[in-house]
Amino acid sequence: MDSSRLSDYAVFGVLLLAGFAFVAAAMAANRVLRPSAPSAAKGENYECGVDPDPGAGHVGRDWAQVQIRYYVYAFLFVLFAVEAVFLFPWATVFREFGAPAAAEMGLFVGVLALGLAYAWRKGVLRWR
């Protein structure tokens, strides 16, 4: 090995050690500077705003109804995030592919628009 490669490894090693030292210093500063006031209330169970039932030893009741609309909103978000994942690369190379690519992307966006229109028509997007 020549000395230039060794110096590259030395620079990498120094940067690695500096990174570890920075993280260790930040964690030590956090431990020293943070406020600490432990109490019994902080050790109690807490889940999503439901007050714990101290007599039963668990949080709230055994069963809680979850609204399906939360999952629908999450699904629609993922759907349109995936659409964005496909649209941005396509837009960067649009001129190379021409009209057939525009037609295919139009079909893709059209199918997604139909799904959104269907959800809108069924009232899924209304927050009740």
N, C-alpha and C. Protein backbone atom coordinates (compact mmCIF):
# COMPACT_ATOMS: atom_id res chain seq x y z
N MET A 1 0.84 -1.19 0.00
CA MET A 1 0.00 0.00 0.00
C MET A 1 0.87 1.24 0.00
N ASP A 2 0.44 2.19 -0.75
CA ASP A 2 1.20 3.43 -0.75
C ASP A 2 0.67 4.37 0.34
N SER A 3 1.41 5.42 0.56
CA SER A 3 1.09 6.31 1.68
C SER A 3 -0.20 7.10 1.45
N SER A 4 -0.61 7.30 0.21
CA SER A 4 -1.84 8.06 -0.03
C SER A 4 -3.06 7.27 0.43
N ARG A 5 -3.04 5.95 0.24
CA ARG A 5 -4.15 5.13 0.72
C ARG A 5 -4.18 5.10 2.24
N LEU A 6 -3.03 5.01 2.84
CA LEU A 6 -2.98 5.02 4.30
C LEU A 6 -3.49 6.34 4.86
N SER A 7 -3.16 7.42 4.19
CA SER A 7 -3.65 8.71 4.68
C SER A 7 -5.16 8.82 4.52
N ASP A 8 -5.73 8.20 3.46
CA ASP A 8 -7.18 8.19 3.29
C ASP A 8 -7.83 7.43 4.44
N TYR A 9 -7.27 6.28 4.79
CA TYR A 9 -7.80 5.51 5.91
C TYR A 9 -7.64 6.27 7.23
N ALA A 10 -6.55 7.00 7.37
CA ALA A 10 -6.34 7.77 8.59
C ALA A 10 -7.39 8.87 8.72
N VAL A 11 -7.69 9.54 7.62
CA VAL A 11 -8.72 10.58 7.63
C VAL A 11 -10.07 9.96 7.99
N PHE A 12 -10.38 8.81 7.40
CA PHE A 12 -11.63 8.13 7.71
C PHE A 12 -11.69 7.75 9.19
N GLY A 13 -10.61 7.23 9.70
CA GLY A 13 -10.56 6.84 11.11
C GLY A 13 -10.73 8.02 12.05
N VAL A 14 -10.09 9.14 11.72
CA VAL A 14 -10.22 10.33 12.55
C VAL A 14 -11.66 10.84 12.52
N LEU A 15 -12.28 10.86 11.34
CA LEU A 15 -13.67 11.30 11.24
C LEU A 15 -14.60 10.36 11.99
N LEU A 16 -14.35 9.07 11.92
CA LEU A 16 -15.16 8.09 12.64
C LEU A 16 -15.04 8.31 14.15
N LEU A 17 -13.82 8.49 14.63
CA LEU A 17 -13.62 8.75 16.05
C LEU A 17 -14.26 10.07 16.47
N ALA A 18 -14.17 11.08 15.63
CA ALA A 18 -14.80 12.37 15.95
C ALA A 18 -16.32 12.22 16.02
N GLY A 19 -16.89 11.43 15.14
CA GLY A 19 -18.33 11.19 15.18
C GLY A 19 -18.76 10.48 16.46
N PHE A 20 -18.04 9.43 16.84
CA PHE A 20 -18.34 8.73 18.09
C PHE A 20 -18.17 9.66 19.29
N ALA A 21 -17.13 10.49 19.28
CA ALA A 21 -16.89 11.41 20.38
C ALA A 21 -18.01 12.44 20.48
N PHE A 22 -18.50 12.92 19.34
CA PHE A 22 -19.59 13.89 19.34
C PHE A 22 -20.86 13.28 19.92
N VAL A 23 -21.19 12.06 19.51
CA VAL A 23 -22.39 11.39 20.03
C VAL A 23 -22.24 11.14 21.53
N ALA A 24 -21.07 10.68 21.96
CA ALA A 24 -20.85 10.42 23.39
C ALA A 24 -20.95 11.72 24.19
N ALA A 25 -20.40 12.82 23.68
CA ALA A 25 -20.48 14.10 24.37
C ALA A 25 -21.93 14.60 24.45
N ALA A 26 -22.69 14.42 23.38
CA ALA A 26 -24.10 14.85 23.38
C ALA A 26 -24.90 14.04 24.40
N MET A 27 -24.65 12.73 24.46
CA MET A 27 -25.38 11.90 25.42
C MET A 27 -24.98 12.25 26.85
N ALA A 28 -23.71 12.54 27.09
CA ALA A 28 -23.27 12.92 28.43
C ALA A 28 -23.87 14.26 28.82
N ALA A 29 -23.90 15.21 27.91
CA ALA A 29 -24.49 16.52 28.19
C ALA A 29 -25.98 16.37 28.49
N ASN A 30 -26.66 15.49 27.76
CA ASN A 30 -28.08 15.25 28.01
C ASN A 30 -28.29 14.71 29.42
N ARG A 31 -27.47 13.78 29.83
CA ARG A 31 -27.61 13.18 31.15
C ARG A 31 -27.35 14.19 32.26
N VAL A 32 -26.38 15.09 32.04
CA VAL A 32 -26.02 16.06 33.06
C VAL A 32 -27.02 17.22 33.12
N LEU A 33 -27.50 17.70 31.98
CA LEU A 33 -28.31 18.92 31.93
C LEU A 33 -29.81 18.70 32.02
N ARG A 34 -30.29 17.49 31.83
CA ARG A 34 -31.74 17.27 31.82
C ARG A 34 -32.33 17.42 33.21
N PRO A 35 -33.58 17.88 33.28
CA PRO A 35 -34.24 17.92 34.58
C PRO A 35 -34.68 16.51 34.97
N SER A 36 -34.62 16.21 36.24
CA SER A 36 -35.01 14.89 36.70
C SER A 36 -35.92 15.05 37.91
N ALA A 37 -37.17 14.65 37.76
CA ALA A 37 -38.15 14.72 38.85
C ALA A 37 -39.03 13.48 38.79
N PRO A 38 -38.50 12.31 39.18
CA PRO A 38 -39.31 11.10 39.11
C PRO A 38 -40.49 11.16 40.09
N SER A 39 -41.60 10.57 39.68
CA SER A 39 -42.77 10.51 40.54
C SER A 39 -43.57 9.25 40.20
N ALA A 40 -44.48 8.91 41.08
CA ALA A 40 -45.31 7.73 40.86
C ALA A 40 -46.25 7.93 39.67
N ALA A 41 -46.71 9.17 39.47
CA ALA A 41 -47.63 9.44 38.35
C ALA A 41 -46.97 9.21 37.01
N LYS A 42 -45.66 9.49 36.91
CA LYS A 42 -44.96 9.28 35.65
C LYS A 42 -44.78 7.80 35.34
N GLY A 43 -44.85 6.96 36.35
CA GLY A 43 -44.68 5.53 36.14
C GLY A 43 -45.97 4.81 35.82
N GLU A 44 -47.12 5.52 35.85
CA GLU A 44 -48.40 4.89 35.55
C GLU A 44 -48.55 4.63 34.06
N ASN A 45 -49.42 3.67 33.75
CA ASN A 45 -49.73 3.38 32.35
C ASN A 45 -50.55 4.52 31.77
N TYR A 46 -50.31 4.79 30.49
CA TYR A 46 -51.04 5.84 29.78
C TYR A 46 -51.12 5.43 28.33
N GLU A 47 -52.32 5.48 27.78
CA GLU A 47 -52.45 5.08 26.39
C GLU A 47 -53.47 5.95 25.69
N CYS A 48 -53.02 6.76 24.78
CA CYS A 48 -53.87 7.53 23.87
C CYS A 48 -54.92 8.37 24.59
N GLY A 49 -54.59 9.01 25.67
CA GLY A 49 -55.52 9.89 26.34
C GLY A 49 -56.53 9.18 27.21
N VAL A 50 -56.47 7.86 27.34
CA VAL A 50 -57.39 7.12 28.18
C VAL A 50 -56.81 7.06 29.58
N ASP A 51 -57.56 7.54 30.56
CA ASP A 51 -57.07 7.51 31.93
C ASP A 51 -56.97 6.07 32.42
N PRO A 52 -55.90 5.74 33.10
CA PRO A 52 -55.77 4.38 33.61
C PRO A 52 -56.77 4.12 34.73
N ASP A 53 -57.22 2.90 34.82
CA ASP A 53 -58.14 2.47 35.87
C ASP A 53 -57.29 1.88 37.00
N PRO A 54 -57.06 2.65 38.08
CA PRO A 54 -56.13 2.17 39.09
C PRO A 54 -56.61 0.90 39.80
N GLY A 55 -57.91 0.69 39.87
CA GLY A 55 -58.41 -0.49 40.57
C GLY A 55 -58.19 -1.78 39.80
N ALA A 56 -58.28 -1.72 38.47
CA ALA A 56 -58.18 -2.94 37.67
C ALA A 56 -56.76 -3.27 37.26
N GLY A 57 -55.86 -2.32 37.35
CA GLY A 57 -54.47 -2.58 36.99
C GLY A 57 -54.20 -2.55 35.50
N HIS A 58 -55.13 -2.00 34.72
CA HIS A 58 -54.88 -1.87 33.28
C HIS A 58 -55.47 -0.56 32.78
N VAL A 59 -55.23 -0.25 31.54
CA VAL A 59 -55.67 1.01 30.97
C VAL A 59 -57.04 0.85 30.37
N GLY A 60 -58.00 1.62 30.83
CA GLY A 60 -59.33 1.65 30.24
C GLY A 60 -60.01 0.30 30.21
N ARG A 61 -60.91 0.15 29.24
CA ARG A 61 -61.63 -1.12 29.09
C ARG A 61 -60.84 -2.06 28.20
N ASP A 62 -61.35 -3.28 28.08
CA ASP A 62 -60.68 -4.30 27.29
C ASP A 62 -60.83 -4.07 25.79
N TRP A 63 -61.89 -3.41 25.37
CA TRP A 63 -62.21 -3.29 23.96
C TRP A 63 -62.52 -1.84 23.63
N ALA A 64 -62.03 -1.39 22.50
CA ALA A 64 -62.34 -0.04 22.04
C ALA A 64 -62.57 -0.08 20.54
N GLN A 65 -63.59 0.63 20.09
CA GLN A 65 -63.91 0.65 18.67
C GLN A 65 -62.98 1.61 17.94
N VAL A 66 -62.44 1.18 16.83
CA VAL A 66 -61.56 2.00 16.01
C VAL A 66 -62.32 2.35 14.73
N GLN A 67 -62.35 3.61 14.40
CA GLN A 67 -63.06 4.05 13.21
C GLN A 67 -62.29 3.66 11.95
N ILE A 68 -62.99 3.15 10.96
CA ILE A 68 -62.36 2.70 9.72
C ILE A 68 -61.85 3.89 8.91
N ARG A 69 -62.41 5.08 9.12
CA ARG A 69 -62.00 6.22 8.30
C ARG A 69 -60.53 6.57 8.49
N TYR A 70 -59.96 6.28 9.65
CA TYR A 70 -58.54 6.54 9.85
C TYR A 70 -57.71 5.68 8.89
N TYR A 71 -58.12 4.44 8.71
CA TYR A 71 -57.40 3.56 7.80
C TYR A 71 -57.60 3.98 6.35
N VAL A 72 -58.78 4.48 6.04
CA VAL A 72 -59.05 4.95 4.67
C VAL A 72 -58.17 6.15 4.34
N TYR A 73 -58.05 7.09 5.27
CA TYR A 73 -57.18 8.24 5.04
C TYR A 73 -55.73 7.80 4.89
N ALA A 74 -55.31 6.86 5.71
CA ALA A 74 -53.94 6.36 5.60
C ALA A 74 -53.73 5.68 4.25
N PHE A 75 -54.71 4.90 3.81
CA PHE A 75 -54.61 4.22 2.52
C PHE A 75 -54.55 5.22 1.38
N LEU A 76 -55.38 6.24 1.42
CA LEU A 76 -55.36 7.25 0.37
C LEU A 76 -54.04 8.01 0.36
N PHE A 77 -53.49 8.29 1.54
CA PHE A 77 -52.19 8.96 1.60
C PHE A 77 -51.12 8.10 0.94
N VAL A 78 -51.10 6.81 1.27
CA VAL A 78 -50.10 5.91 0.68
C VAL A 78 -50.31 5.83 -0.83
N LEU A 79 -51.55 5.76 -1.26
CA LEU A 79 -51.86 5.68 -2.68
C LEU A 79 -51.28 6.88 -3.44
N PHE A 80 -51.50 8.08 -2.93
CA PHE A 80 -51.01 9.26 -3.63
C PHE A 80 -49.52 9.47 -3.42
N ALA A 81 -48.95 8.95 -2.37
CA ALA A 81 -47.50 8.99 -2.21
C ALA A 81 -46.85 8.09 -3.25
N VAL A 82 -47.45 6.93 -3.49
CA VAL A 82 -46.93 6.03 -4.52
C VAL A 82 -47.08 6.67 -5.89
N GLU A 83 -48.17 7.38 -6.11
CA GLU A 83 -48.35 8.08 -7.38
C GLU A 83 -47.23 9.09 -7.57
N ALA A 84 -46.88 9.82 -6.53
CA ALA A 84 -45.79 10.79 -6.63
C ALA A 84 -44.47 10.11 -6.92
N VAL A 85 -44.27 8.93 -6.34
CA VAL A 85 -43.04 8.18 -6.59
C VAL A 85 -42.92 7.83 -8.07
N PHE A 86 -44.04 7.54 -8.72
CA PHE A 86 -44.00 7.22 -10.14
C PHE A 86 -43.98 8.46 -11.03
N LEU A 87 -44.60 9.54 -10.58
CA LEU A 87 -44.69 10.74 -11.42
C LEU A 87 -43.36 11.50 -11.54
N PHE A 88 -42.62 11.63 -10.46
CA PHE A 88 -41.40 12.43 -10.51
C PHE A 88 -40.34 11.84 -11.44
N PRO A 89 -40.02 10.56 -11.37
CA PRO A 89 -39.03 10.04 -12.34
C PRO A 89 -39.55 10.12 -13.77
N TRP A 90 -40.84 9.89 -13.95
CA TRP A 90 -41.41 9.97 -15.29
C TRP A 90 -41.27 11.38 -15.84
N ALA A 91 -41.49 12.37 -15.01
CA ALA A 91 -41.41 13.76 -15.47
C ALA A 91 -39.99 14.15 -15.87
N THR A 92 -39.00 13.51 -15.27
CA THR A 92 -37.62 13.87 -15.61
C THR A 92 -37.21 13.34 -16.98
N VAL A 93 -37.83 12.26 -17.44
CA VAL A 93 -37.45 11.67 -18.73
C VAL A 93 -38.59 11.74 -19.75
N PHE A 94 -39.55 12.62 -19.52
CA PHE A 94 -40.74 12.69 -20.37
C PHE A 94 -40.40 12.96 -21.83
N ARG A 95 -39.48 13.85 -22.10
CA ARG A 95 -39.17 14.22 -23.49
C ARG A 95 -38.55 13.07 -24.27
N GLU A 96 -37.85 12.18 -23.58
CA GLU A 96 -37.22 11.06 -24.27
C GLU A 96 -38.25 10.02 -24.72
N PHE A 97 -39.35 9.89 -24.00
CA PHE A 97 -40.33 8.84 -24.31
C PHE A 97 -41.46 9.33 -25.19
N GLY A 98 -41.79 10.60 -25.13
CA GLY A 98 -42.77 11.18 -26.03
C GLY A 98 -44.22 10.87 -25.69
N ALA A 99 -45.05 10.86 -26.75
CA ALA A 99 -46.50 10.74 -26.61
C ALA A 99 -46.95 9.41 -25.99
N PRO A 100 -46.35 8.26 -26.33
CA PRO A 100 -46.83 7.02 -25.69
C PRO A 100 -46.67 7.04 -24.16
N ALA A 101 -45.60 7.62 -23.68
CA ALA A 101 -45.40 7.71 -22.23
C ALA A 101 -46.43 8.66 -21.61
N ALA A 102 -46.76 9.73 -22.32
CA ALA A 102 -47.77 10.66 -21.82
C ALA A 102 -49.13 9.98 -21.74
N ALA A 103 -49.44 9.15 -22.74
CA ALA A 103 -50.72 8.44 -22.72
C ALA A 103 -50.77 7.43 -21.57
N GLU A 104 -49.68 6.71 -21.37
CA GLU A 104 -49.66 5.73 -20.27
C GLU A 104 -49.77 6.42 -18.91
N MET A 105 -49.08 7.54 -18.74
CA MET A 105 -49.17 8.24 -17.46
C MET A 105 -50.55 8.86 -17.30
N GLY A 106 -51.13 9.33 -18.37
CA GLY A 106 -52.50 9.84 -18.30
C GLY A 106 -53.47 8.75 -17.87
N LEU A 107 -53.28 7.54 -18.39
CA LEU A 107 -54.12 6.41 -17.99
C LEU A 107 -53.92 6.09 -16.52
N PHE A 108 -52.67 6.10 -16.06
CA PHE A 108 -52.36 5.83 -14.66
C PHE A 108 -53.02 6.86 -13.74
N VAL A 109 -52.86 8.13 -14.05
CA VAL A 109 -53.45 9.18 -13.23
C VAL A 109 -54.97 9.14 -13.34
N GLY A 110 -55.49 8.78 -14.50
CA GLY A 110 -56.94 8.66 -14.67
C GLY A 110 -57.54 7.58 -13.80
N VAL A 111 -56.88 6.43 -13.70
CA VAL A 111 -57.37 5.35 -12.85
C VAL A 111 -57.35 5.81 -11.39
N LEU A 112 -56.29 6.49 -10.98
CA LEU A 112 -56.24 7.01 -9.62
C LEU A 112 -57.33 8.06 -9.38
N ALA A 113 -57.58 8.90 -10.38
CA ALA A 113 -58.63 9.91 -10.25
C ALA A 113 -60.00 9.26 -10.14
N LEU A 114 -60.23 8.18 -10.89
CA LEU A 114 -61.49 7.46 -10.77
C LEU A 114 -61.67 6.88 -9.37
N GLY A 115 -60.61 6.34 -8.82
CA GLY A 115 -60.68 5.82 -7.45
C GLY A 115 -60.98 6.92 -6.45
N LEU A 116 -60.36 8.08 -6.62
CA LEU A 116 -60.61 9.20 -5.74
C LEU A 116 -62.04 9.70 -5.90
N ALA A 117 -62.53 9.78 -7.13
CA ALA A 117 -63.90 10.21 -7.38
C ALA A 117 -64.90 9.23 -6.75
N TYR A 118 -64.61 7.94 -6.83
CA TYR A 118 -65.47 6.93 -6.22
C TYR A 118 -65.51 7.11 -4.70
N ALA A 119 -64.33 7.31 -4.09
CA ALA A 119 -64.27 7.51 -2.64
C ALA A 119 -65.02 8.78 -2.25
N TRP A 120 -64.88 9.83 -3.05
CA TRP A 120 -65.56 11.09 -2.77
C TRP A 120 -67.07 10.90 -2.87
N ARG A 121 -67.51 10.19 -3.91
CA ARG A 121 -68.93 9.98 -4.14
C ARG A 121 -69.57 9.16 -3.01
N LYS A 122 -68.83 8.20 -2.49
CA LYS A 122 -69.33 7.36 -1.40
C LYS A 122 -69.28 8.06 -0.05
N GLY A 123 -68.69 9.25 0.02
CA GLY A 123 -68.64 10.01 1.25
C GLY A 123 -67.51 9.58 2.18
N VAL A 124 -66.56 8.85 1.65
CA VAL A 124 -65.45 8.37 2.48
C VAL A 124 -64.57 9.51 2.97
N LEU A 125 -64.47 10.57 2.19
CA LEU A 125 -63.56 11.66 2.50
C LEU A 125 -64.15 12.68 3.46
N ARG A 126 -65.42 12.51 3.85
CA ARG A 126 -66.03 13.45 4.81
C ARG A 126 -65.62 13.06 6.22
N TRP A 127 -65.17 14.04 6.97
CA TRP A 127 -64.80 13.80 8.37
C TRP A 127 -66.05 14.04 9.22
N ARG A 128 -66.57 12.97 9.79
CA ARG A 128 -67.84 13.09 10.52
C ARG A 128 -67.63 13.39 11.95
